[in-house]
Amino acid sequence: MFYGRALWLDTHSINKVVKTKPIPVEFIDGRPLLSGAIIEETIPIELIMEYYREMIAFDLISSPNHPVILGLS
């Protein structure tokens, strides 16, 4: 586990769980992510944006440079 991610989750009091099914991830050019498949996710978190609200679980990966990456769909 990447220490930066763990520290970020702890700082924001966000718990994580093991995914029921790992998700393989590829870079935009088709190469597999070096850290492997996504095997962890956050517990559902309430996401609020102006008048929009939903419960969402975020996938977790190891990244040496960024504690948060948005964009995987």
Protein backbone atom coordinates (compact mmCIF):
# COMPACT_ATOMS: atom_id res chain seq x y z
CA MET A 1 0.00 0.00 0.00
CA PHE A 2 1.27 3.45 -0.88
CA TYR A 3 1.82 5.51 2.30
CA GLY A 4 0.63 8.78 0.74
CA ARG A 5 -2.78 7.31 -0.08
CA ALA A 6 -3.18 5.85 3.41
CA LEU A 7 -2.28 9.17 4.99
CA TRP A 8 -4.74 11.03 2.74
CA LEU A 9 -7.55 8.60 3.62
CA ASP A 10 -6.76 8.88 7.34
CA THR A 11 -6.58 12.68 7.19
CA HIS A 12 -10.08 12.81 5.70
CA SER A 13 -11.47 9.98 7.91
CA ILE A 14 -12.33 7.81 4.90
CA ASN A 15 -12.44 4.04 5.36
CA LYS A 16 -11.66 1.52 2.63
CA VAL A 17 -12.76 -2.01 1.80
CA VAL A 18 -11.56 -4.77 -0.52
CA LYS A 19 -13.46 -4.85 -3.84
CA THR A 20 -15.55 -7.94 -4.52
CA LYS A 21 -14.04 -8.17 -8.02
CA PRO A 22 -10.62 -6.68 -9.01
CA ILE A 23 -10.70 -4.24 -11.94
CA PRO A 24 -7.78 -4.33 -14.42
CA VAL A 25 -6.62 -0.85 -15.46
CA GLU A 26 -4.72 0.25 -18.55
CA PHE A 27 -2.97 3.46 -19.51
CA ILE A 28 -4.38 5.36 -22.48
CA ASP A 29 -1.93 3.49 -24.77
CA GLY A 30 -3.14 0.08 -23.58
CA ARG A 31 -0.25 -0.80 -21.23
CA PRO A 32 -1.37 -2.26 -17.87
CA LEU A 33 -1.05 -0.10 -14.76
CA LEU A 34 2.19 -1.09 -12.99
CA SER A 35 0.51 -1.37 -9.58
CA GLY A 36 -1.89 -3.96 -10.99
CA ALA A 37 -5.65 -4.28 -10.80
CA ILE A 38 -7.76 -2.10 -8.53
CA ILE A 39 -8.50 -4.20 -5.45
CA GLU A 40 -9.69 -1.56 -2.94
CA GLU A 41 -12.36 1.11 -2.80
CA THR A 42 -13.64 3.65 -0.31
CA ILE A 43 -16.78 2.99 1.62
CA PRO A 44 -19.67 4.89 0.03
CA ILE A 45 -19.16 8.63 0.52
CA GLU A 46 -21.80 11.33 0.13
CA LEU A 47 -20.84 13.50 -2.85
CA ILE A 48 -22.50 16.92 -2.93
CA MET A 49 -22.14 19.36 -5.82
CA GLU A 50 -24.43 22.38 -5.61
CA TYR A 51 -27.92 20.81 -5.96
CA TYR A 52 -26.70 17.31 -6.86
CA ARG A 53 -26.17 14.65 -4.19
CA GLU A 54 -25.31 10.94 -4.39
CA MET A 55 -23.53 8.18 -2.49
CA ILE A 56 -20.43 6.95 -4.35
CA ALA A 57 -17.49 4.60 -3.67
CA PHE A 58 -14.15 5.64 -5.18
CA ASP A 59 -11.62 3.11 -6.52
CA LEU A 60 -8.17 3.26 -4.90
CA ILE A 61 -4.81 2.82 -6.65
CA SER A 62 -1.20 3.45 -5.65
CA SER A 63 0.31 6.58 -7.15
CA PRO A 64 3.70 8.00 -6.19
CA ASN A 65 2.77 11.51 -7.36
CA HIS A 66 -0.95 12.11 -6.76
CA PRO A 67 -3.12 11.29 -3.73
CA VAL A 68 -6.31 11.75 -5.79
CA ILE A 69 -6.96 11.09 -9.49
CA LEU A 70 -10.38 11.69 -11.02
CA GLY A 71 -11.35 10.42 -14.43
CA LEU A 72 -11.71 6.64 -14.53
CA SER A 73 -15.20 5.68 -15.56
